[in-house]
Amino acid sequence: MAKIYYDKDADLKFLDGKVISIIGYGSQGRAQALNLRDSGVKVVLGLRENGLSWKKAEDDGFKPYPIAKAAEEGDIVHMLIPDLEQPQVYKQQVSKAMSEGKTLAFSHGFNIHYRLIVPPSNVDVVMVAPKSPGANLREMYLKGFGVPALFAVEQDYSGQAKGTALALCKALGCTRAGVLETTFKEETETDLFGEQAVLVGGLISLINTGFKVLVEEGYQPELAYFEVCNEMKLIMDLVYQSGFTGMLNAISDTAKYGGITVGPKIVDEHVKENMKRALKRIQNGEFAREWVGEPKESRMKLEKLMKEVSEYDIEKVGKVIRKMAGIEK
């Protein structure tokens, strides 16, 4: 079992007198910068000059710097821009500022694990990965609690990298909930697998296939949406709150029996083998090469894929249902 670290295991002294440069001000960048600042840590922001986030950062009371300048200012440079953009930004605007004794930090291990960013040997390299979207990280911090997180040390030049990583976790509020130690490899591969096989790819495919089956068999699309998508959130909320058993105890006996007996016949050994193949592509770097090999082409391909998803029949029906429910305006 993994060891869980809490507030008592982390010491903010590892951040004393240090400047943390947050590169990027999206969902995670904003939440982490605000939490760190509210914990008494000196934070500077590195952003594209006059980019979309520049004004938002100013409104939040920060004085943003161009990325290269922020990297120079920071003792800890925390990369929180999208994975696809990090290698070029690091090479062109951050790398020259990574002088001896500094710390390079991430919230996802992708670019370090696949060696798309190769830091100098005389800096620390750590990861602090809150396990929630940025908005929830901020919300829980303001409530006096936090969200769980992972942390890892890839390179410990100073001999204090673990202390720094845990201090960052504490300043983010994550040690209030508990943080687990991992490696860049483990975090990257499990994160990508979860996204592709279950959380995003698997979920979309499961819902959309269920919708298609019902509609193709003559059932009304609106009813199909309710049964395979709308109620998915209700079930997942129950699983989130109390696990599989708690969820099963909250639904009808008919649903229990049907779900337990039929589910494994749908998501069967064939699906498990497909998942293993997906994991193998992650482990051997094939997925990473496909995604980051040609960034401009990857962006164009992603835009095309997003357009295809937006044209799914279930998306059109879903808009109607969500408006009915007052969820979407």
Protein backbone atom coordinates (compact mmCIF):
# COMPACT_ATOMS: atom_id res chain seq x y z
CA MET A 1 0.00 0.00 0.00
CA ALA A 2 1.16 3.52 -0.74
CA LYS A 3 2.25 5.73 2.15
CA ILE A 4 0.04 8.78 2.65
CA TYR A 5 1.64 12.05 3.77
CA TYR A 6 -0.26 14.73 5.67
CA ASP A 7 0.37 18.27 6.97
CA LYS A 8 2.56 16.99 9.80
CA ASP A 9 4.86 15.32 7.26
CA ALA A 10 5.50 18.48 5.24
CA ASP A 11 7.38 21.65 6.22
CA LEU A 12 6.97 25.01 4.47
CA LYS A 13 10.52 25.91 5.53
CA PHE A 14 11.68 24.32 2.26
CA LEU A 15 10.01 27.25 0.48
CA ASP A 16 11.36 29.97 2.79
CA GLY A 17 12.86 32.83 0.82
CA LYS A 18 12.13 31.14 -2.49
CA VAL A 19 10.27 32.50 -5.48
CA ILE A 20 7.95 30.12 -7.33
CA SER A 21 7.48 30.96 -11.00
CA ILE A 22 4.23 29.55 -12.34
CA ILE A 23 4.40 29.19 -16.11
CA GLY A 24 0.83 29.33 -17.39
CA TYR A 25 -2.44 30.56 -15.89
CA GLY A 26 -5.07 28.10 -17.03
CA SER A 27 -7.17 25.90 -14.76
CA GLN A 28 -4.26 24.50 -12.74
CA GLY A 29 -1.99 27.53 -13.09
CA ARG A 30 -4.50 29.94 -11.62
CA ALA A 31 -5.61 27.67 -8.77
CA GLN A 32 -2.08 26.71 -7.78
CA ALA A 33 -0.79 30.27 -7.97
CA LEU A 34 -3.61 31.58 -5.76
CA ASN A 35 -3.27 28.77 -3.22
CA LEU A 36 0.49 29.19 -3.00
CA ARG A 37 0.17 32.94 -2.57
CA ASP A 38 -2.48 32.55 0.12
CA SER A 39 -0.12 30.16 1.93
CA GLY A 40 2.47 32.92 2.16
CA VAL A 41 4.67 31.82 -0.73
CA LYS A 42 6.09 34.42 -3.13
CA VAL A 43 4.68 33.71 -6.59
CA VAL A 44 5.45 35.24 -9.97
CA LEU A 45 3.69 34.36 -13.19
CA GLY A 46 5.22 33.71 -16.58
CA LEU A 47 2.73 34.27 -19.38
CA ARG A 48 2.58 35.12 -23.05
CA GLU A 49 2.65 38.89 -23.21
CA ASN A 50 -0.87 40.24 -23.59
CA GLY A 51 -2.24 36.71 -23.97
CA LEU A 52 -5.71 35.73 -22.80
CA SER A 53 -4.52 35.02 -19.25
CA TRP A 54 -2.53 38.22 -18.80
CA LYS A 55 -5.53 40.40 -17.87
CA LYS A 56 -7.04 37.68 -15.67
CA ALA A 57 -3.78 37.44 -13.74
CA GLU A 58 -3.69 41.22 -13.28
CA ASP A 59 -7.29 41.17 -12.05
CA ASP A 60 -6.23 38.57 -9.48
CA GLY A 61 -3.55 40.91 -8.17
CA PHE A 62 -0.50 39.48 -9.93
CA LYS A 63 2.02 41.37 -12.02
CA PRO A 64 2.72 38.93 -14.87
CA TYR A 65 6.12 38.62 -16.51
CA PRO A 66 7.08 37.29 -19.92
CA ILE A 67 7.92 33.60 -19.56
CA ALA A 68 11.69 33.97 -19.91
CA LYS A 69 11.79 36.73 -17.29
CA ALA A 70 9.65 34.73 -14.84
CA ALA A 71 11.92 31.71 -15.28
CA GLU A 72 14.92 33.87 -14.39
CA GLU A 73 13.17 35.18 -11.26
CA GLY A 74 12.08 31.79 -9.96
CA ASP A 75 13.97 29.48 -7.64
CA ILE A 76 11.27 26.93 -8.47
CA VAL A 77 9.96 27.00 -12.04
CA HIS A 78 6.60 25.23 -12.23
CA MET A 79 5.49 24.29 -15.76
CA LEU A 80 1.69 24.44 -16.01
CA ILE A 81 1.09 25.00 -19.71
CA PRO A 82 -0.32 22.22 -21.95
CA ASP A 83 1.88 19.15 -22.52
CA LEU A 84 2.11 19.77 -26.25
CA GLU A 85 3.50 23.28 -25.75
CA GLN A 86 5.95 22.57 -22.94
CA PRO A 87 8.97 21.25 -24.87
CA GLN A 88 9.23 24.26 -27.19
CA VAL A 89 8.53 26.79 -24.43
CA TYR A 90 11.08 25.11 -22.19
CA LYS A 91 13.74 25.03 -24.90
CA GLN A 92 13.23 28.60 -26.08
CA GLN A 93 12.29 30.48 -22.91
CA VAL A 94 13.01 28.47 -19.76
CA SER A 95 16.11 26.30 -20.25
CA LYS A 96 18.64 29.13 -20.10
CA ALA A 97 17.27 30.17 -16.70
CA MET A 98 17.70 26.72 -15.12
CA SER A 99 20.91 27.44 -13.29
CA GLU A 100 22.51 25.24 -10.64
CA GLY A 101 20.39 24.55 -7.57
CA LYS A 102 17.04 25.56 -9.01
CA THR A 103 13.98 23.30 -9.07
CA LEU A 104 11.96 22.43 -12.16
CA ALA A 105 8.42 21.35 -11.25
CA PHE A 106 5.52 19.81 -13.11
CA SER A 107 1.98 18.63 -12.40
CA HIS A 108 2.16 15.84 -14.98
CA GLY A 109 5.15 13.66 -15.76
CA PHE A 110 4.60 13.40 -19.54
CA ASN A 111 7.44 15.51 -20.92
CA ILE A 112 10.04 14.36 -18.41
CA HIS A 113 9.12 10.67 -18.67
CA TYR A 114 9.27 10.65 -22.46
CA ARG A 115 12.41 12.83 -22.41
CA LEU A 116 10.84 15.62 -24.45
CA ILE A 117 12.30 17.92 -21.81
CA VAL A 118 15.75 17.03 -20.50
CA PRO A 119 16.76 19.31 -17.61
CA PRO A 120 20.41 19.89 -16.65
CA SER A 121 21.81 17.47 -14.08
CA ASN A 122 22.44 20.18 -11.48
CA VAL A 123 18.79 21.04 -10.75
CA ASP A 124 16.04 19.27 -8.83
CA VAL A 125 13.09 17.91 -10.82
CA VAL A 126 9.84 17.29 -8.95
CA MET A 127 6.17 16.76 -9.60
CA VAL A 128 3.14 17.88 -7.60
CA ALA A 129 -0.08 16.65 -9.17
CA PRO A 130 -3.39 17.60 -7.51
CA LYS A 131 -6.01 14.98 -8.37
CA SER A 132 -8.75 17.40 -9.35
CA PRO A 133 -9.49 20.19 -11.80
CA GLY A 134 -8.10 23.56 -10.80
CA ALA A 135 -11.47 25.01 -9.79
CA ASN A 136 -12.01 22.25 -7.26
CA LEU A 137 -8.45 22.59 -5.94
CA ARG A 138 -9.13 26.26 -5.24
CA GLU A 139 -12.60 25.68 -3.83
CA MET A 140 -11.45 23.05 -1.34
CA TYR A 141 -8.51 25.21 -0.25
CA LEU A 142 -10.85 28.13 0.48
CA LYS A 143 -13.02 25.78 2.54
CA GLY A 144 -10.02 25.00 4.73
CA PHE A 145 -9.45 21.55 3.31
CA GLY A 146 -7.78 20.31 0.13
CA VAL A 147 -7.76 17.66 -2.58
CA PRO A 148 -5.52 14.57 -2.64
CA ALA A 149 -2.38 14.81 -4.76
CA LEU A 150 0.55 12.80 -6.03
CA PHE A 151 4.16 13.90 -5.72
CA ALA A 152 7.38 12.55 -7.19
CA VAL A 153 11.08 13.28 -7.35
CA GLU A 154 12.83 12.58 -10.64
CA GLN A 155 16.13 14.30 -9.89
CA ASP A 156 17.47 15.19 -6.44
CA TYR A 157 20.56 17.35 -6.96
CA SER A 158 20.13 19.31 -3.74
CA GLY A 159 19.29 16.39 -1.49
CA GLN A 160 16.14 18.29 -0.48
CA ALA A 161 13.88 17.66 -3.47
CA LYS A 162 11.41 15.53 -1.51
CA GLY A 163 11.10 18.20 1.13
CA THR A 164 10.45 20.79 -1.56
CA ALA A 165 7.79 18.65 -3.23
CA LEU A 166 5.99 18.01 0.06
CA ALA A 167 6.18 21.70 0.95
CA LEU A 168 4.54 22.56 -2.38
CA CYS A 169 1.82 20.02 -1.63
CA LYS A 170 1.26 21.63 1.77
CA ALA A 171 1.14 25.15 0.35
CA LEU A 172 -1.46 23.98 -2.18
CA GLY A 173 -3.58 22.56 0.65
CA CYS A 174 -3.20 19.00 -0.56
CA THR A 175 -1.57 17.56 2.56
CA ARG A 176 -4.75 18.45 4.43
CA ALA A 177 -6.37 15.64 2.46
CA GLY A 178 -3.32 13.43 1.96
CA VAL A 179 -0.68 12.99 -0.74
CA LEU A 180 0.88 9.83 -2.18
CA GLU A 181 4.44 9.38 -3.40
CA THR A 182 4.87 8.04 -6.92
CA THR A 183 7.31 8.31 -9.84
CA PHE A 184 7.13 10.30 -13.05
CA LYS A 185 6.82 7.02 -14.95
CA GLU A 186 3.99 5.63 -12.84
CA GLU A 187 2.01 8.87 -12.80
CA THR A 188 2.35 9.41 -16.54
CA GLU A 189 1.45 5.90 -17.62
CA THR A 190 -1.48 5.44 -15.23
CA ASP A 191 -2.82 8.92 -16.02
CA LEU A 192 -2.75 8.36 -19.78
CA PHE A 193 -4.27 4.90 -19.42
CA GLY A 194 -7.09 6.20 -17.24
CA GLU A 195 -7.89 8.97 -19.71
CA GLN A 196 -7.81 6.76 -22.77
CA ALA A 197 -9.35 3.51 -21.56
CA VAL A 198 -11.83 4.62 -18.91
CA LEU A 199 -12.37 8.26 -17.97
CA VAL A 200 -12.56 9.92 -21.39
CA GLY A 201 -12.18 7.45 -24.24
CA GLY A 202 -13.86 4.48 -22.58
CA LEU A 203 -16.69 6.54 -21.12
CA ILE A 204 -17.53 8.38 -24.33
CA SER A 205 -17.45 5.16 -26.34
CA LEU A 206 -19.56 3.26 -23.80
CA ILE A 207 -22.23 5.95 -23.59
CA ASN A 208 -22.34 6.61 -27.33
CA THR A 209 -22.51 2.90 -28.20
CA GLY A 210 -25.34 2.33 -25.73
CA PHE A 211 -27.20 5.28 -27.22
CA LYS A 212 -26.75 3.97 -30.76
CA VAL A 213 -27.99 0.48 -29.82
CA LEU A 214 -31.22 1.81 -28.34
CA VAL A 215 -31.91 4.24 -31.18
CA GLU A 216 -31.13 1.66 -33.87
CA GLU A 217 -33.60 -0.69 -32.18
CA GLY A 218 -36.35 1.93 -32.51
CA TYR A 219 -36.37 3.58 -29.10
CA GLN A 220 -36.82 7.33 -28.82
CA PRO A 221 -33.46 9.18 -28.78
CA GLU A 222 -34.53 11.30 -25.82
CA LEU A 223 -35.29 8.24 -23.70
CA ALA A 224 -32.05 6.63 -24.83
CA TYR A 225 -30.12 9.71 -23.67
CA PHE A 226 -31.76 9.62 -20.26
CA GLU A 227 -30.92 5.96 -19.76
CA VAL A 228 -27.32 5.83 -20.96
CA CYS A 229 -26.01 9.35 -20.29
CA ASN A 230 -28.11 11.46 -17.99
CA GLU A 231 -28.25 8.78 -15.30
CA MET A 232 -24.54 8.07 -15.63
CA LYS A 233 -23.80 11.10 -13.46
CA LEU A 234 -26.25 9.93 -10.79
CA ILE A 235 -24.59 6.53 -10.62
CA MET A 236 -21.06 7.95 -10.66
CA ASP A 237 -21.92 10.38 -7.87
CA LEU A 238 -22.96 7.40 -5.76
CA VAL A 239 -19.74 5.51 -6.63
CA TYR A 240 -17.68 8.62 -5.86
CA GLN A 241 -19.37 9.05 -2.49
CA SER A 242 -19.48 5.44 -1.27
CA GLY A 243 -17.86 3.02 -3.74
CA PHE A 244 -19.44 0.20 -5.75
CA THR A 245 -21.15 -1.39 -2.76
CA GLY A 246 -22.60 1.89 -1.57
CA MET A 247 -23.92 2.61 -5.05
CA LEU A 248 -25.45 -0.85 -5.36
CA ASN A 249 -27.12 -0.49 -1.97
CA ALA A 250 -28.75 2.73 -3.18
CA ILE A 251 -30.40 1.30 -6.32
CA SER A 252 -33.15 -1.24 -6.95
CA ASP A 253 -32.61 -4.99 -6.61
CA THR A 254 -33.46 -5.38 -10.30
CA ALA A 255 -30.73 -2.89 -11.22
CA LYS A 256 -28.30 -4.63 -8.87
CA TYR A 257 -28.87 -8.08 -10.33
CA GLY A 258 -28.93 -6.95 -13.97
CA GLY A 259 -25.86 -4.80 -13.58
CA ILE A 260 -23.75 -7.36 -11.75
CA THR A 261 -24.64 -10.25 -14.09
CA VAL A 262 -24.68 -8.49 -17.47
CA GLY A 263 -21.95 -5.84 -17.05
CA PRO A 264 -19.04 -8.31 -17.21
CA LYS A 265 -20.49 -9.76 -20.43
CA ILE A 266 -20.27 -6.31 -22.05
CA VAL A 267 -16.92 -5.19 -20.67
CA ASP A 268 -15.40 -8.64 -21.04
CA GLU A 269 -11.97 -10.21 -21.59
CA HIS A 270 -11.93 -8.82 -25.13
CA VAL A 271 -12.22 -5.30 -23.74
CA LYS A 272 -9.54 -6.10 -21.17
CA GLU A 273 -7.18 -7.18 -23.96
CA ASN A 274 -7.90 -3.92 -25.81
CA MET A 275 -7.06 -2.02 -22.64
CA LYS A 276 -3.77 -3.91 -22.32
CA ARG A 277 -2.89 -2.99 -25.90
CA ALA A 278 -3.64 0.66 -25.15
CA LEU A 279 -1.42 0.47 -22.06
CA LYS A 280 1.40 -1.11 -24.06
CA ARG A 281 1.30 1.83 -26.53
CA ILE A 282 1.65 4.18 -23.58
CA GLN A 283 4.50 2.19 -22.01
CA ASN A 284 6.55 1.90 -25.19
CA GLY A 285 6.11 5.57 -26.11
CA GLU A 286 4.06 4.95 -29.26
CA PHE A 287 1.20 7.16 -28.08
CA ALA A 288 3.56 9.98 -27.07
CA ARG A 289 5.30 9.88 -30.45
CA GLU A 290 1.95 9.99 -32.23
CA TRP A 291 0.73 12.92 -30.15
CA VAL A 292 3.81 15.16 -29.98
CA GLY A 293 5.73 14.14 -33.10
CA GLU A 294 4.35 17.00 -35.17
CA PRO A 295 2.61 19.46 -32.80
CA LYS A 296 0.91 21.50 -35.55
CA GLU A 297 -0.44 18.36 -37.20
CA SER A 298 -1.56 17.03 -33.83
CA ARG A 299 -3.48 20.24 -33.16
CA MET A 300 -5.19 20.03 -36.56
CA LYS A 301 -6.03 16.37 -36.02
CA LEU A 302 -7.44 17.11 -32.57
CA GLU A 303 -9.62 19.91 -33.95
CA LYS A 304 -10.99 17.50 -36.57
CA LEU A 305 -11.70 14.85 -33.94
CA MET A 306 -13.43 17.39 -31.70
CA LYS A 307 -15.64 18.48 -34.60
CA GLU A 308 -16.61 14.85 -35.25
CA VAL A 309 -17.60 14.37 -31.61
CA SER A 310 -19.66 17.56 -31.65
CA GLU A 311 -21.67 16.10 -34.54
CA TYR A 312 -22.63 12.88 -32.74
CA ASP A 313 -26.39 12.36 -32.64
CA ILE A 314 -26.22 11.99 -28.87
CA GLU A 315 -24.72 15.47 -28.63
CA LYS A 316 -27.66 16.98 -30.50
CA VAL A 317 -30.20 15.15 -28.33
CA GLY A 318 -28.20 15.95 -25.21
CA LYS A 319 -28.48 19.69 -25.81
CA VAL A 320 -32.27 19.39 -25.81
CA ILE A 321 -32.35 17.30 -22.63
CA ARG A 322 -29.90 19.52 -20.78
CA LYS A 323 -31.98 22.59 -21.61
CA MET A 324 -35.09 20.80 -20.37
CA ALA A 325 -33.31 20.07 -17.10
CA GLY A 326 -32.03 23.61 -16.72
CA ILE A 327 -28.43 22.42 -16.88
CA GLU A 328 -27.56 24.19 -20.12
CA LYS A 329 -28.90 27.51 -21.35
